[in-house]
Amino acid sequence: MFARRALRLPVQAQRRHASSSASRGADGIVVPMEGQSEFITKRAATTEHAHESSELWRKISLYVALPGCLLGGLWTKNLEEAHEAHHHHIVEQNGGEEPEKIPYPYLRKLEKKFPWGDGEKPLFNTLLGQD
């Protein structure tokens, strides 16, 4: 049973690939030949346009987006280092302790408690609710 099916599969595969195909250029794009139908010509133009568009977006990604992300990361790193230095400066001014926080009435207003834990602290930033 399996031997018969094994013999039929190559024949079916040969039948599928018996049609002619358009010639391709050096970069793999279909090149229309003389006397081809309008459909094949439009398909070749669409393929070429898609290839050009994908190359454009690849270059934009590599030469604009990636350096932009790197520059943004460096800018953020420098900003955070300056903030950390300022925080250490304030701690040194207060004798090695953080200054006392003023409980302003407009801060930490909760209309209703969070549905986890004691209801006072957010889910991910647990340092936020410490006084």
Protein backbone atom coordinates (compact mmCIF):
# COMPACT_ATOMS: atom_id res chain seq x y z
CA MET A 1 0.00 0.00 0.00
CA PHE A 2 2.69 2.49 0.97
CA ALA A 3 4.91 1.40 -1.91
CA ARG A 4 2.22 2.35 -4.45
CA ARG A 5 1.81 5.80 -2.91
CA ALA A 6 5.57 6.32 -2.85
CA LEU A 7 5.71 5.62 -6.57
CA ARG A 8 2.87 8.04 -7.33
CA LEU A 9 4.26 11.04 -5.44
CA PRO A 10 7.20 11.82 -7.75
CA VAL A 11 4.92 11.60 -10.80
CA GLN A 12 2.50 14.10 -9.26
CA ALA A 13 5.34 16.42 -8.36
CA GLN A 14 6.63 16.25 -11.93
CA ARG A 15 3.22 17.15 -13.28
CA ARG A 16 2.95 20.17 -10.99
CA HIS A 17 6.23 21.63 -12.15
CA ALA A 18 5.72 21.01 -15.86
CA SER A 19 4.49 24.54 -16.57
CA SER A 20 6.82 27.18 -17.95
CA SER A 21 7.91 30.11 -15.84
CA ALA A 22 9.11 33.60 -16.63
CA SER A 23 12.82 34.25 -16.76
CA ARG A 24 14.40 35.95 -13.78
CA GLY A 25 17.09 38.60 -13.72
CA ALA A 26 20.29 38.56 -11.66
CA ASP A 27 18.53 39.82 -8.52
CA GLY A 28 15.65 37.33 -8.79
CA ILE A 29 13.06 39.73 -10.20
CA VAL A 30 10.84 38.38 -12.98
CA VAL A 31 11.78 39.97 -16.32
CA PRO A 32 8.88 40.25 -18.79
CA MET A 33 9.59 38.83 -22.25
CA GLU A 34 8.26 39.84 -25.67
CA GLY A 35 4.71 38.72 -26.32
CA GLN A 36 3.78 38.06 -22.69
CA SER A 37 0.35 38.90 -21.44
CA GLU A 38 -0.51 42.16 -19.72
CA PHE A 39 -1.09 40.26 -16.47
CA ILE A 40 2.46 38.90 -16.41
CA THR A 41 3.87 42.35 -17.21
CA LYS A 42 1.87 43.94 -14.36
CA ARG A 43 2.89 41.15 -11.99
CA ALA A 44 6.55 41.73 -12.88
CA ALA A 45 6.15 45.48 -12.27
CA THR A 46 4.47 44.81 -8.93
CA THR A 47 7.25 42.44 -7.92
CA GLU A 48 9.89 45.00 -8.85
CA HIS A 49 8.06 47.73 -6.92
CA ALA A 50 7.78 45.46 -3.87
CA HIS A 51 11.50 44.70 -4.06
CA GLU A 52 12.37 48.42 -4.26
CA SER A 53 10.01 49.29 -1.39
CA SER A 54 11.38 46.58 0.85
CA GLU A 55 14.93 47.77 0.16
CA LEU A 56 13.90 51.35 1.02
CA TRP A 57 12.38 50.32 4.35
CA ARG A 58 15.35 48.08 5.14
CA LYS A 59 17.67 51.06 4.66
CA ILE A 60 15.41 53.34 6.71
CA SER A 61 15.37 50.78 9.51
CA LEU A 62 19.14 50.27 9.51
CA TYR A 63 20.32 53.85 8.94
CA VAL A 64 17.60 55.93 10.65
CA ALA A 65 15.64 53.91 13.21
CA LEU A 66 18.49 51.91 14.73
CA PRO A 67 20.81 54.94 15.25
CA GLY A 68 17.82 56.90 16.56
CA CYS A 69 17.12 54.22 19.17
CA LEU A 70 20.79 54.13 20.16
CA LEU A 71 20.96 57.92 20.51
CA GLY A 72 17.73 57.93 22.53
CA GLY A 73 19.14 55.25 24.82
CA LEU A 74 22.38 57.19 25.36
CA TRP A 75 20.44 60.39 26.06
CA THR A 76 18.25 58.59 28.60
CA LYS A 77 21.31 56.99 30.25
CA ASN A 78 22.99 60.40 30.65
CA LEU A 79 19.77 61.91 32.01
CA GLU A 80 19.36 59.11 34.57
CA GLU A 81 23.01 59.41 35.66
CA ALA A 82 22.51 63.16 36.23
CA HIS A 83 19.37 62.43 38.25
CA GLU A 84 21.22 59.83 40.35
CA ALA A 85 24.08 62.30 41.01
CA HIS A 86 21.56 64.95 42.07
CA HIS A 87 19.87 62.49 44.43
CA HIS A 88 23.24 61.59 46.04
CA HIS A 89 24.01 65.31 46.40
CA ILE A 90 20.75 65.92 48.27
CA VAL A 91 21.42 62.94 50.57
CA GLU A 92 24.93 64.28 51.34
CA GLN A 93 23.48 67.71 52.17
CA ASN A 94 21.14 66.13 54.75
CA GLY A 95 23.83 64.26 56.65
CA GLY A 96 23.55 60.95 54.78
CA GLU A 97 19.75 60.62 55.07
CA GLU A 98 17.01 61.37 52.61
CA PRO A 99 15.06 64.54 53.35
CA GLU A 100 11.67 64.18 55.00
CA LYS A 101 8.89 63.89 52.46
CA ILE A 102 6.06 66.38 52.72
CA PRO A 103 2.65 64.62 52.52
CA TYR A 104 0.86 66.98 50.14
CA PRO A 105 -2.92 66.39 50.15
CA TYR A 106 -3.16 66.16 46.36
CA LEU A 107 -0.66 63.27 46.14
CA ARG A 108 -1.51 59.56 46.48
CA LYS A 109 -5.25 60.05 46.22
CA LEU A 110 -6.99 56.70 45.77
CA GLU A 111 -10.66 56.67 44.86
CA LYS A 112 -10.81 52.95 45.64
CA LYS A 113 -8.28 50.39 46.80
CA PHE A 114 -6.29 48.22 44.40
CA PRO A 115 -7.68 44.66 44.15
CA TRP A 116 -4.37 43.05 45.29
CA GLY A 117 -2.30 43.06 48.45
CA ASP A 118 -3.26 45.62 51.07
CA GLY A 119 -4.86 47.83 48.40
CA GLU A 120 -2.48 50.74 48.94
CA LYS A 121 0.45 49.77 46.69
CA PRO A 122 0.47 49.43 42.91
CA LEU A 123 1.14 46.02 41.39
CA PHE A 124 4.61 46.55 39.88
CA ASN A 125 6.24 49.59 41.55
CA THR A 126 6.03 48.67 45.23
CA LEU A 127 8.48 51.43 46.19
CA LEU A 128 5.95 54.04 45.06
CA GLY A 129 3.67 53.66 48.05
CA GLN A 130 6.37 53.81 50.73
CA ASP A 131 6.42 56.89 52.97
